[in-house]
PDB file of all heavy atoms in Angstrom:
ATOM      1  N   THR A   1      89.912 104.598 100.139  1.00  0.00           N
ATOM      2  CA  THR A   1      90.431 103.352  99.575  1.00  0.00           C
ATOM      3  C   THR A   1      91.695 103.610  98.765  1.00  0.00           C
ATOM      4  O   THR A   1      92.675 102.870  98.867  1.00  0.00           O
ATOM      5  CB  THR A   1      89.376 102.673  98.679  1.00  0.00           C
ATOM      6  OG1 THR A   1      88.218 102.377  99.479  1.00  0.00           O
ATOM      7  CG2 THR A   1      89.916 101.375  98.092  1.00  0.00           C
ATOM      8  N   ILE A   2      91.687 104.665  97.946  1.00  0.00           N
ATOM      9  CA  ILE A   2      92.892 105.016  97.193  1.00  0.00           C
ATOM     10  C   ILE A   2      94.045 105.281  98.144  1.00  0.00           C
ATOM     11  O   ILE A   2      95.152 104.769  97.969  1.00  0.00           O
ATOM     12  CB  ILE A   2      92.641 106.251  96.302  1.00  0.00           C
ATOM     13  CG1 ILE A   2      91.670 105.892  95.177  1.00  0.00           C
ATOM     14  CG2 ILE A   2      93.947 106.776  95.710  1.00  0.00           C
ATOM     15  CD1 ILE A   2      91.243 107.082  94.345  1.00  0.00           C
ATOM     16  N   GLN A   3      93.793 106.049  99.198  1.00  0.00           N
ATOM     17  CA  GLN A   3      94.856 106.413 100.138  1.00  0.00           C
ATOM     18  C   GLN A   3      95.410 105.185 100.837  1.00  0.00           C
ATOM     19  O   GLN A   3      96.620 104.990 100.927  1.00  0.00           O
ATOM     20  CB  GLN A   3      94.313 107.426 101.171  1.00  0.00           C
ATOM     21  CG  GLN A   3      95.364 107.999 102.094  1.00  0.00           C
ATOM     22  CD  GLN A   3      95.490 107.185 103.370  1.00  0.00           C
ATOM     23  OE1 GLN A   3      94.591 106.432 103.731  1.00  0.00           O
ATOM     24  NE2 GLN A   3      96.611 107.311 104.026  1.00  0.00           N
ATOM     25  N   ARG A   4      94.542 104.327 101.330  1.00  0.00           N
ATOM     26  CA  ARG A   4      95.010 103.163 102.068  1.00  0.00           C
ATOM     27  C   ARG A   4      95.637 102.126 101.151  1.00  0.00           C
ATOM     28  O   ARG A   4      96.563 101.418 101.532  1.00  0.00           O
ATOM     29  CB  ARG A   4      93.843 102.533 102.850  1.00  0.00           C
ATOM     30  CG  ARG A   4      93.376 103.401 104.012  1.00  0.00           C
ATOM     31  CD  ARG A   4      92.293 102.695 104.815  1.00  0.00           C
ATOM     32  NE  ARG A   4      91.925 103.485 105.979  1.00  0.00           N
ATOM     33  CZ  ARG A   4      92.574 103.452 107.133  1.00  0.00           C
ATOM     34  NH1 ARG A   4      93.626 102.681 107.264  1.00  0.00           N
ATOM     35  NH2 ARG A   4      92.176 104.197 108.145  1.00  0.00           N
ATOM     36  N   THR A   5      95.097 102.030  99.946  1.00  0.00           N
ATOM     37  CA  THR A   5      95.591 100.999  99.041  1.00  0.00           C
ATOM     38  C   THR A   5      96.992 101.291  98.532  1.00  0.00           C
ATOM     39  O   THR A   5      97.842 100.418  98.478  1.00  0.00           O
ATOM     40  CB  THR A   5      94.639 100.865  97.843  1.00  0.00           C
ATOM     41  OG1 THR A   5      93.328 100.552  98.344  1.00  0.00           O
ATOM     42  CG2 THR A   5      95.081  99.767  96.905  1.00  0.00           C
ATOM     43  N   TRP A   6      97.250 102.503  98.155  1.00  0.00           N
ATOM     44  CA  TRP A   6      98.540 102.814  97.548  1.00  0.00           C
ATOM     45  C   TRP A   6      99.441 103.687  98.414  1.00  0.00           C
ATOM     46  O   TRP A   6     100.565 103.994  98.017  1.00  0.00           O
ATOM     47  CB  TRP A   6      98.322 103.454  96.185  1.00  0.00           C
ATOM     48  CG  TRP A   6      97.752 102.465  95.225  1.00  0.00           C
ATOM     49  CD1 TRP A   6      98.428 101.547  94.490  1.00  0.00           C
ATOM     50  CD2 TRP A   6      96.374 102.270  94.902  1.00  0.00           C
ATOM     51  NE1 TRP A   6      97.560 100.806  93.751  1.00  0.00           N
ATOM     52  CE2 TRP A   6      96.293 101.215  93.973  1.00  0.00           C
ATOM     53  CE3 TRP A   6      95.182 102.884  95.318  1.00  0.00           C
ATOM     54  CZ2 TRP A   6      95.096 100.760  93.439  1.00  0.00           C
ATOM     55  CZ3 TRP A   6      93.981 102.430  94.793  1.00  0.00           C
ATOM     56  CH2 TRP A   6      93.948 101.379  93.864  1.00  0.00           C
ATOM     57  N   SER A   7      98.964 104.071  99.595  1.00  0.00           N
ATOM     58  CA  SER A   7      99.755 104.859 100.535  1.00  0.00           C
ATOM     59  C   SER A   7     100.413 106.056  99.862  1.00  0.00           C
ATOM     60  O   SER A   7     101.628 106.251  99.928  1.00  0.00           O
ATOM     61  CB  SER A   7     100.835 103.975 101.189  1.00  0.00           C
ATOM     62  OG  SER A   7     100.252 102.918 101.888  1.00  0.00           O
ATOM     63  N   VAL A   8      99.606 106.848  99.172  1.00  0.00           N
ATOM     64  CA  VAL A   8     100.173 107.948  98.402  1.00  0.00           C
ATOM     65  C   VAL A   8      99.946 109.315  99.014  1.00  0.00           C
ATOM     66  O   VAL A   8     100.561 110.286  98.566  1.00  0.00           O
ATOM     67  CB  VAL A   8      99.603 107.944  96.969  1.00  0.00           C
ATOM     68  CG1 VAL A   8     100.069 106.729  96.201  1.00  0.00           C
ATOM     69  CG2 VAL A   8      98.076 108.029  96.976  1.00  0.00           C
ATOM     70  N   VAL A   9      99.062 109.408 100.000  1.00  0.00           N
ATOM     71  CA  VAL A   9      98.802 110.720 100.573  1.00  0.00           C
ATOM     72  C   VAL A   9      98.292 110.557 101.987  1.00  0.00           C
ATOM     73  O   VAL A   9      97.631 109.581 102.293  1.00  0.00           O
ATOM     74  CB  VAL A   9      97.757 111.499  99.727  1.00  0.00           C
ATOM     75  CG1 VAL A   9      96.421 110.834  99.717  1.00  0.00           C
ATOM     76  CG2 VAL A   9      97.599 112.945 100.234  1.00  0.00           C
ATOM     77  N   LYS A  10      98.686 111.488 102.868  1.00  0.00           N
ATOM     78  CA  LYS A  10      98.207 111.467 104.241  1.00  0.00           C
ATOM     79  C   LYS A  10      97.048 112.449 104.357  1.00  0.00           C
ATOM     80  O   LYS A  10      97.170 113.606 103.995  1.00  0.00           O
ATOM     81  CB  LYS A  10      99.329 111.865 105.202  1.00  0.00           C
ATOM     82  CG  LYS A  10     100.479 110.867 105.227  1.00  0.00           C
ATOM     83  CD  LYS A  10     101.568 111.304 106.190  1.00  0.00           C
ATOM     84  CE  LYS A  10     102.705 110.295 106.207  1.00  0.00           C
ATOM     85  NZ  LYS A  10     103.777 110.716 107.116  1.00  0.00           N
ATOM     86  N   LEU A  11      95.948 111.946 104.884  1.00  0.00           N
ATOM     87  CA  LEU A  11      94.740 112.758 104.945  1.00  0.00           C
ATOM     88  C   LEU A  11      94.371 113.035 106.401  1.00  0.00           C
ATOM     89  O   LEU A  11      94.414 112.149 107.232  1.00  0.00           O
ATOM     90  CB  LEU A  11      93.576 112.026 104.261  1.00  0.00           C
ATOM     91  CG  LEU A  11      93.813 111.610 102.815  1.00  0.00           C
ATOM     92  CD1 LEU A  11      92.603 110.848 102.306  1.00  0.00           C
ATOM     93  CD2 LEU A  11      94.066 112.831 101.948  1.00  0.00           C
ATOM     94  N   SER A  12      94.018 114.274 106.674  1.00  0.00           N
ATOM     95  CA  SER A  12      93.458 114.629 107.966  1.00  0.00           C
ATOM     96  C   SER A  12      92.009 114.998 107.720  1.00  0.00           C
ATOM     97  O   SER A  12      91.717 115.974 107.035  1.00  0.00           O
ATOM     98  CB  SER A  12      94.207 115.825 108.564  1.00  0.00           C
ATOM     99  OG  SER A  12      93.593 116.248 109.755  1.00  0.00           O
ATOM    100  N   ILE A  13      91.085 114.207 108.254  1.00  0.00           N
ATOM    101  CA  ILE A  13      89.689 114.308 107.864  1.00  0.00           C
ATOM    102  C   ILE A  13      88.881 115.036 108.932  1.00  0.00           C
ATOM    103  O   ILE A  13      88.889 114.659 110.090  1.00  0.00           O
ATOM    104  CB  ILE A  13      89.101 112.907 107.622  1.00  0.00           C
ATOM    105  CG1 ILE A  13      89.949 112.172 106.579  1.00  0.00           C
ATOM    106  CG2 ILE A  13      87.649 112.987 107.201  1.00  0.00           C
ATOM    107  CD1 ILE A  13      89.625 110.731 106.476  1.00  0.00           C
ATOM    108  N   ILE A  14      88.201 116.095 108.517  1.00  0.00           N
ATOM    109  CA  ILE A  14      87.263 116.791 109.382  1.00  0.00           C
ATOM    110  C   ILE A  14      85.972 116.939 108.582  1.00  0.00           C
ATOM    111  O   ILE A  14      85.918 117.676 107.612  1.00  0.00           O
ATOM    112  CB  ILE A  14      87.794 118.175 109.801  1.00  0.00           C
ATOM    113  CG1 ILE A  14      89.164 118.043 110.471  1.00  0.00           C
ATOM    114  CG2 ILE A  14      86.793 118.867 110.708  1.00  0.00           C
ATOM    115  CD1 ILE A  14      89.798 119.385 110.793  1.00  0.00           C
ATOM    116  N   ALA A  15      84.923 116.217 108.994  1.00  0.00           N
ATOM    117  CA  ALA A  15      83.678 116.174 108.226  1.00  0.00           C
ATOM    118  C   ALA A  15      84.007 115.752 106.803  1.00  0.00           C
ATOM    119  O   ALA A  15      84.528 114.671 106.595  1.00  0.00           O
ATOM    120  CB  ALA A  15      82.970 117.520 108.272  1.00  0.00           C
ATOM    121  N   ILE A  16      83.722 116.592 105.777  1.00  0.00           N
ATOM    122  CA  ILE A  16      84.103 116.241 104.414  1.00  0.00           C
ATOM    123  C   ILE A  16      85.237 117.147 103.937  1.00  0.00           C
ATOM    124  O   ILE A  16      85.453 117.309 102.754  1.00  0.00           O
ATOM    125  CB  ILE A  16      82.906 116.324 103.454  1.00  0.00           C
ATOM    126  CG1 ILE A  16      82.328 117.742 103.399  1.00  0.00           C
ATOM    127  CG2 ILE A  16      81.848 115.312 103.813  1.00  0.00           C
ATOM    128  CD1 ILE A  16      81.313 117.931 102.283  1.00  0.00           C
ATOM    129  N   SER A  17      85.953 117.731 104.891  1.00  0.00           N
ATOM    130  CA  SER A  17      87.080 118.596 104.544  1.00  0.00           C
ATOM    131  C   SER A  17      88.380 117.843 104.755  1.00  0.00           C
ATOM    132  O   SER A  17      88.569 117.183 105.767  1.00  0.00           O
ATOM    133  CB  SER A  17      87.060 119.856 105.420  1.00  0.00           C
ATOM    134  OG  SER A  17      88.189 120.650 105.158  1.00  0.00           O
ATOM    135  N   PHE A  18      89.288 117.921 103.777  1.00  0.00           N
ATOM    136  CA  PHE A  18      90.582 117.264 103.875  1.00  0.00           C
ATOM    137  C   PHE A  18      91.686 118.296 103.944  1.00  0.00           C
ATOM    138  O   PHE A  18      91.679 119.296 103.230  1.00  0.00           O
ATOM    139  CB  PHE A  18      90.852 116.390 102.631  1.00  0.00           C
ATOM    140  CG  PHE A  18      90.066 115.115 102.585  1.00  0.00           C
ATOM    141  CD1 PHE A  18      90.023 114.396 101.402  1.00  0.00           C
ATOM    142  CD2 PHE A  18      89.393 114.631 103.682  1.00  0.00           C
ATOM    143  CE1 PHE A  18      89.308 113.211 101.321  1.00  0.00           C
ATOM    144  CE2 PHE A  18      88.683 113.455 103.622  1.00  0.00           C
ATOM    145  CZ  PHE A  18      88.639 112.747 102.431  1.00  0.00           C
ATOM    146  N   SER A  19      92.662 118.028 104.780  1.00  0.00           N
ATOM    147  CA  SER A  19      93.913 118.765 104.755  1.00  0.00           C
ATOM    148  C   SER A  19      94.945 117.816 104.178  1.00  0.00           C
ATOM    149  O   SER A  19      95.270 116.801 104.789  1.00  0.00           O
ATOM    150  CB  SER A  19      94.320 119.213 106.161  1.00  0.00           C
ATOM    151  OG  SER A  19      95.576 119.854 106.126  1.00  0.00           O
ATOM    152  N   ILE A  20      95.432 118.120 102.973  1.00  0.00           N
ATOM    153  CA  ILE A  20      96.282 117.200 102.236  1.00  0.00           C
ATOM    154  C   ILE A  20      97.728 117.624 102.355  1.00  0.00           C
ATOM    155  O   ILE A  20      98.060 118.807 102.365  1.00  0.00           O
ATOM    156  CB  ILE A  20      95.861 117.151 100.751  1.00  0.00           C
ATOM    157  CG1 ILE A  20      94.394 116.697 100.653  1.00  0.00           C
ATOM    158  CG2 ILE A  20      96.746 116.229  99.937  1.00  0.00           C
ATOM    159  CD1 ILE A  20      93.834 116.726  99.258  1.00  0.00           C
ATOM    160  N   THR A  21      98.610 116.641 102.479  1.00  0.00           N
ATOM    161  CA  THR A  21     100.034 116.917 102.565  1.00  0.00           C
ATOM    162  C   THR A  21     100.451 117.905 101.486  1.00  0.00           C
ATOM    163  O   THR A  21     100.138 117.736 100.321  1.00  0.00           O
ATOM    164  CB  THR A  21     100.840 115.610 102.411  1.00  0.00           C
ATOM    165  OG1 THR A  21     100.473 114.720 103.470  1.00  0.00           O
ATOM    166  CG2 THR A  21     102.325 115.871 102.476  1.00  0.00           C
ATOM    167  N   GLY A  22     101.161 118.949 101.880  1.00  0.00           N
ATOM    168  CA  GLY A  22     101.578 119.979 100.951  1.00  0.00           C
ATOM    169  C   GLY A  22     100.812 121.272 101.167  1.00  0.00           C
ATOM    170  O   GLY A  22     100.981 122.234 100.428  1.00  0.00           O
ATOM    171  N   GLY A  23      99.964 121.303 102.193  1.00  0.00           N
ATOM    172  CA  GLY A  23      99.268 122.531 102.542  1.00  0.00           C
ATOM    173  C   GLY A  23      98.009 122.800 101.765  1.00  0.00           C
ATOM    174  O   GLY A  23      97.475 123.911 101.805  1.00  0.00           O
ATOM    175  N   VAL A  24      97.486 121.818 101.032  1.00  0.00           N
ATOM    176  CA  VAL A  24      96.251 121.990 100.273  1.00  0.00           C
ATOM    177  C   VAL A  24      95.065 121.639 101.173  1.00  0.00           C
ATOM    178  O   VAL A  24      94.983 120.533 101.694  1.00  0.00           O
ATOM    179  CB  VAL A  24      96.236 121.109  99.011  1.00  0.00           C
ATOM    180  CG1 VAL A  24      94.914 121.264  98.265  1.00  0.00           C
ATOM    181  CG2 VAL A  24      97.407 121.453  98.110  1.00  0.00           C
ATOM    182  N   ASN A  25      94.160 122.580 101.356  1.00  0.00           N
ATOM    183  CA  ASN A  25      92.949 122.349 102.142  1.00  0.00           C
ATOM    184  C   ASN A  25      91.745 122.403 101.214  1.00  0.00           C
ATOM    185  O   ASN A  25      91.598 123.350 100.448  1.00  0.00           O
ATOM    186  CB  ASN A  25      92.810 123.402 103.235  1.00  0.00           C
ATOM    187  CG  ASN A  25      93.935 123.324 104.240  1.00  0.00           C
ATOM    188  OD1 ASN A  25      94.102 122.323 104.915  1.00  0.00           O
ATOM    189  ND2 ASN A  25      94.723 124.386 104.327  1.00  0.00           N
ATOM    190  N   MET A  26      90.879 121.403 101.297  1.00  0.00           N
ATOM    191  CA  MET A  26      89.772 121.306 100.356  1.00  0.00           C
ATOM    192  C   MET A  26      88.493 120.890 101.057  1.00  0.00           C
ATOM    193  O   MET A  26      88.522 120.176 102.065  1.00  0.00           O
ATOM    194  CB  MET A  26      90.083 120.272  99.264  1.00  0.00           C
ATOM    195  CG  MET A  26      91.308 120.569  98.423  1.00  0.00           C
ATOM    196  SD  MET A  26      91.524 119.353  97.111  1.00  0.00           S
ATOM    197  CE  MET A  26      90.140 119.773  96.047  1.00  0.00           C
TER     198      MET A  26
END
């Protein structure tokens, strides 16, 4: 919801793992 609402980060979703713009994997 935060991502879609404010368009602040691009998320690539695999299960509960995110690859966040800037090379951060969590």
